[in-house]
């Protein structure tokens, strides 16, 4: 039996039956030594996957003719990750791992006690590139959105409005993993993870008024990134178990 080869996938903007690739994707095409006439697979981040034939590849332009298209519906139960930034940033590896785990939406907030919490637009652009790269690697066809919630009033309003199930990681939280597993999820789910600096007493009081369910992972002391990845995988398992 012939061994199945890995198929590289490229992110594209589609117009008029052609796929167009930005500078990052052009560099990837060049590294792979793609040439005119070669076939490749592209996606647009909105559920469409395209089989294409490369027509032009230069330093300034890359385009391919679309040969066939297929569509994959958006996953019904994608979890939203609400992540606290510290000193204006979120760990790149965390975004990559959570994207690979199927997170459907990222909301980034700043802690009230973080004096250097301003997030610059260049950083947001970098995060979007990391998300695209992770989707390419694990063959996700829907790009997670990423949004900034700079003010806590906006954060709490979004949590209350958009989600029926609101979970927050907190050491000593009132809900254990086994208790969460026994409860039935209903509606949109978000998981909120503070930065390494943690939630202040004032922030915890605000979050309890939303309200949220605070979940304790147990006795192990984990890095914030490790805890977030573990919790995302657990929440995905929880949702799948109840959807059977």
Protein backbone atom coordinates (compact mmCIF):
# COMPACT_ATOMS: atom_id res chain seq x y z
CA UNK A 1 0.00 0.00 0.00
CA UNK A 2 1.32 3.41 -0.94
CA UNK A 3 2.12 5.55 2.11
CA UNK A 4 -0.16 8.57 2.48
CA UNK A 5 1.78 11.79 2.08
CA UNK A 6 1.26 14.86 4.24
CA UNK A 7 -0.60 17.57 2.35
CA UNK A 8 0.49 21.11 3.08
CA UNK A 9 -2.36 23.59 3.23
CA UNK A 10 -2.15 27.31 2.49
CA UNK A 11 -4.30 30.21 3.64
CA UNK A 12 -5.75 32.16 0.71
CA UNK A 13 -8.05 34.99 -0.27
CA UNK A 14 -10.37 33.78 -3.02
CA UNK A 15 -11.60 36.05 -5.79
CA UNK A 16 -13.05 35.19 -9.20
CA UNK A 17 -12.14 31.52 -9.20
CA UNK A 18 -8.56 32.15 -8.10
CA UNK A 19 -6.75 31.81 -4.78
CA UNK A 20 -4.38 34.63 -3.89
CA UNK A 21 -1.62 34.23 -1.27
CA UNK A 22 0.01 36.84 0.97
CA UNK A 23 3.73 37.28 1.58
CA UNK A 24 3.89 34.65 4.34
CA UNK A 25 2.22 32.02 2.16
CA UNK A 26 4.39 32.97 -0.83
CA UNK A 27 7.48 32.32 1.28
CA UNK A 28 6.09 28.93 2.30
CA UNK A 29 5.40 28.07 -1.35
CA UNK A 30 8.96 29.03 -2.28
CA UNK A 31 10.47 26.98 0.56
CA UNK A 32 8.58 23.95 -0.77
CA UNK A 33 9.90 24.72 -4.27
CA UNK A 34 6.43 24.87 -5.75
CA UNK A 35 6.27 25.71 -9.47
CA UNK A 36 3.68 26.62 -12.08
CA UNK A 37 1.31 23.72 -12.68
CA UNK A 38 1.80 22.14 -9.26
CA UNK A 39 -1.34 21.24 -7.34
CA UNK A 40 -1.89 22.43 -3.80
CA UNK A 41 -4.62 22.73 -1.18
CA UNK A 42 -5.84 26.06 0.18
CA UNK A 43 -8.46 27.22 2.67
CA UNK A 44 -10.16 30.54 3.33
CA UNK A 45 -10.81 30.22 7.06
CA UNK A 46 -14.58 30.12 6.54
CA UNK A 47 -15.07 26.41 5.94
CA UNK A 48 -14.01 26.18 2.27
CA UNK A 49 -11.13 23.99 1.13
CA UNK A 50 -9.83 24.37 -2.43
CA UNK A 51 -7.82 22.10 -4.66
CA UNK A 52 -5.78 24.48 -6.78
CA UNK A 53 -3.23 24.57 -9.57
CA UNK A 54 -0.45 27.12 -9.15
CA UNK A 55 -0.26 29.70 -11.96
CA UNK A 56 2.08 32.43 -10.70
CA UNK A 57 4.73 32.50 -7.98
CA UNK A 58 7.04 35.49 -7.65
CA UNK A 59 8.30 37.62 -4.76
CA UNK A 60 5.35 39.95 -5.26
CA UNK A 61 2.52 37.68 -6.36
CA UNK A 62 1.23 34.14 -5.96
CA UNK A 63 -2.05 32.93 -7.37
CA UNK A 64 -3.61 29.60 -8.25
CA UNK A 65 -6.61 28.47 -10.28
CA UNK A 66 -9.28 26.68 -8.25
CA UNK A 67 -9.96 23.19 -9.61
CA UNK A 68 -12.39 21.87 -6.97
CA UNK A 69 -14.06 23.09 -3.78
CA UNK A 70 -15.48 21.41 -0.72
CA UNK A 71 -17.18 22.88 2.33
CA UNK A 72 -17.03 21.79 5.97
CA UNK A 73 -19.71 23.18 8.34
CA UNK A 74 -18.60 25.13 11.38
CA UNK A 75 -18.29 22.92 14.49
CA UNK A 76 -21.44 23.25 16.58
CA UNK A 77 -19.84 23.31 20.03
CA UNK A 78 -16.62 25.30 19.73
CA UNK A 79 -15.44 26.70 23.07
CA UNK A 80 -14.41 30.34 23.50
CA UNK A 81 -11.16 31.01 25.39
CA UNK A 82 -11.10 34.25 27.41
CA UNK A 83 -7.45 34.92 28.20
CA UNK A 84 -5.82 37.45 30.46
CA UNK A 85 -2.85 39.31 29.04
CA UNK A 86 0.14 40.20 31.22
CA UNK A 87 2.28 43.20 30.27
CA UNK A 88 0.20 43.40 27.10
CA UNK A 89 0.91 39.93 25.81
CA UNK A 90 -0.30 36.33 25.72
CA UNK A 91 2.02 33.37 25.28
CA UNK A 92 2.33 32.47 21.58
CA UNK A 93 2.50 28.76 22.38
CA UNK A 94 -0.76 28.97 24.29
CA UNK A 95 -2.59 30.48 21.31
CA UNK A 96 -1.14 27.82 19.03
CA UNK A 97 -2.06 24.93 21.33
CA UNK A 98 -5.59 26.16 21.98
CA UNK A 99 -6.17 26.65 18.26
CA UNK A 100 -5.06 23.07 17.63
CA UNK A 101 -7.52 21.95 20.35
CA UNK A 102 -10.40 23.54 18.46
CA UNK A 103 -11.03 26.80 20.31
CA UNK A 104 -13.50 28.74 18.18
CA UNK A 105 -12.99 32.27 19.50
CA UNK A 106 -10.39 34.15 21.54
CA UNK A 107 -11.22 37.09 23.78
CA UNK A 108 -8.19 38.86 25.27
CA UNK A 109 -8.60 41.06 28.34
CA UNK A 110 -6.20 43.01 30.53
CA UNK A 111 -6.06 42.74 34.30
CA UNK A 112 -7.06 45.86 36.20
CA UNK A 113 -3.83 45.73 38.22
CA UNK A 114 -1.57 45.35 35.16
CA UNK A 115 0.03 48.76 34.74
CA UNK A 116 1.63 47.71 31.43
CA UNK A 117 -1.48 46.05 30.08
CA UNK A 118 -1.91 47.98 26.83
CA UNK A 119 -1.95 45.66 23.82
CA UNK A 120 -0.43 47.11 20.66
CA UNK A 121 -1.99 46.43 17.26
CA UNK A 122 1.23 44.83 16.00
CA UNK A 123 0.90 42.17 18.67
CA UNK A 124 -2.69 41.44 17.64
CA UNK A 125 -1.52 41.03 14.04
CA UNK A 126 1.15 38.57 15.19
CA UNK A 127 -1.42 36.55 17.12
CA UNK A 128 -3.61 36.26 14.03
CA UNK A 129 -0.63 34.89 12.09
CA UNK A 130 0.02 32.32 14.81
CA UNK A 131 -3.63 31.21 14.67
CA UNK A 132 -3.48 30.86 10.87
CA UNK A 133 -0.26 28.84 11.13
CA UNK A 134 -1.81 26.51 13.72
CA UNK A 135 -4.89 25.98 11.55
CA UNK A 136 -2.66 25.08 8.61
CA UNK A 137 -0.70 22.61 10.70
CA UNK A 138 -3.73 20.74 12.09
CA UNK A 139 -5.95 21.19 9.00
CA UNK A 140 -8.63 23.29 10.66
CA UNK A 141 -10.81 25.01 8.06
CA UNK A 142 -12.49 27.59 10.32
CA UNK A 143 -10.22 30.32 11.67
CA UNK A 144 -10.93 31.28 15.28
CA UNK A 145 -11.64 34.98 15.70
CA UNK A 146 -9.56 37.03 18.14
CA UNK A 147 -10.87 40.16 19.85
CA UNK A 148 -9.65 42.58 22.49
CA UNK A 149 -11.74 43.53 25.51
CA UNK A 150 -9.67 46.34 27.05
CA UNK A 151 -12.26 47.43 29.63
CA UNK A 152 -13.69 45.22 32.36
CA UNK A 153 -17.19 46.55 31.82
CA UNK A 154 -16.98 45.34 28.23
CA UNK A 155 -15.59 41.99 29.41
CA UNK A 156 -18.40 41.33 31.88
CA UNK A 157 -21.09 42.45 29.45
CA UNK A 158 -19.72 40.11 26.77
CA UNK A 159 -19.54 37.19 29.20
CA UNK A 160 -23.13 37.72 30.36
CA UNK A 161 -24.52 38.30 26.85
CA UNK A 162 -22.75 35.69 24.73
CA UNK A 163 -22.43 32.63 26.96
CA UNK A 164 -24.79 30.36 28.86
CA UNK A 165 -21.94 28.40 30.48
CA UNK A 166 -19.12 30.50 31.94
CA UNK A 167 -16.18 28.69 33.50
CA UNK A 168 -13.14 30.25 35.12
CA UNK A 169 -9.96 28.56 36.35
CA UNK A 170 -9.29 29.42 39.97
CA UNK A 171 -7.29 27.53 42.56
CA UNK A 172 -9.69 26.62 45.34
CA UNK A 173 -12.72 27.15 43.10
CA UNK A 174 -16.04 25.73 44.24
CA UNK A 175 -16.40 23.28 41.33
CA UNK A 176 -14.16 20.23 40.86
CA UNK A 177 -13.52 18.53 37.53
CA UNK A 178 -15.61 15.52 38.53
CA UNK A 179 -18.54 17.78 39.46
CA UNK A 180 -18.26 19.62 36.16
CA UNK A 181 -18.22 16.33 34.25
CA UNK A 182 -21.48 15.28 35.90
CA UNK A 183 -23.28 18.51 35.02
CA UNK A 184 -24.94 19.03 31.64
CA UNK A 185 -23.71 21.85 29.38
CA UNK A 186 -26.34 23.95 27.67
CA UNK A 187 -25.63 26.76 25.24
CA UNK A 188 -22.39 28.53 24.35
CA UNK A 189 -19.40 27.76 26.57
CA UNK A 190 -16.48 29.99 27.50
CA UNK A 191 -13.43 29.26 29.64
CA UNK A 192 -11.74 32.19 31.35
CA UNK A 193 -8.06 31.97 32.31
CA UNK A 194 -6.24 34.78 34.03
CA UNK A 195 -2.61 35.62 33.37
CA UNK A 196 0.18 34.39 35.66
CA UNK A 197 -0.39 37.42 37.88
CA UNK A 198 -3.81 35.99 38.78
CA UNK A 199 -7.10 37.66 39.60
CA UNK A 200 -7.20 40.36 42.25
CA UNK A 201 -9.80 40.29 45.02
CA UNK A 202 -11.68 43.08 43.26
CA UNK A 203 -11.64 41.20 39.94
CA UNK A 204 -12.93 38.02 41.58
CA UNK A 205 -15.83 39.98 43.07
CA UNK A 206 -16.71 41.41 39.65
CA UNK A 207 -16.55 37.99 37.99
CA UNK A 208 -18.73 36.39 40.66
CA UNK A 209 -21.42 38.96 39.90
CA UNK A 210 -21.58 37.93 36.21
CA UNK A 211 -21.81 35.06 37.44
CA UNK A 212 -19.17 32.43 36.62
CA UNK A 213 -18.48 28.92 37.85
CA UNK A 214 -14.96 28.76 39.29
CA UNK A 215 -13.26 25.43 38.59
CA UNK A 216 -10.38 23.97 40.60
CA UNK A 217 -8.05 21.64 38.69
CA UNK A 218 -6.85 19.87 41.84
CA UNK A 219 -3.71 19.86 43.97
CA UNK A 220 -1.09 20.13 41.21
CA UNK A 221 0.55 23.52 40.70
CA UNK A 222 0.67 24.19 36.97
CA UNK A 223 1.95 27.01 34.82
CA UNK A 224 -0.85 29.16 33.45
CA UNK A 225 -0.26 27.91 29.90
CA UNK A 226 -0.24 24.25 31.00
CA UNK A 227 -3.43 24.69 33.04
CA UNK A 228 -5.21 26.42 30.15
CA UNK A 229 -4.32 23.70 27.63
CA UNK A 230 -5.33 20.93 30.04
CA UNK A 231 -8.62 22.66 30.84
CA UNK A 232 -9.45 23.24 27.17
CA UNK A 233 -8.95 19.55 26.46
CA UNK A 234 -11.10 18.62 29.46
CA UNK A 235 -13.93 20.97 28.43
CA UNK A 236 -13.87 19.53 24.91
CA UNK A 237 -14.14 16.02 26.39
CA UNK A 238 -17.01 17.15 28.64
CA UNK A 239 -18.94 18.60 25.70
CA UNK A 240 -18.39 15.50 23.56
CA UNK A 241 -19.53 13.19 26.36
CA UNK A 242 -22.83 15.03 26.75
CA UNK A 243 -23.43 15.34 23.00
CA UNK A 244 -23.49 11.56 22.47
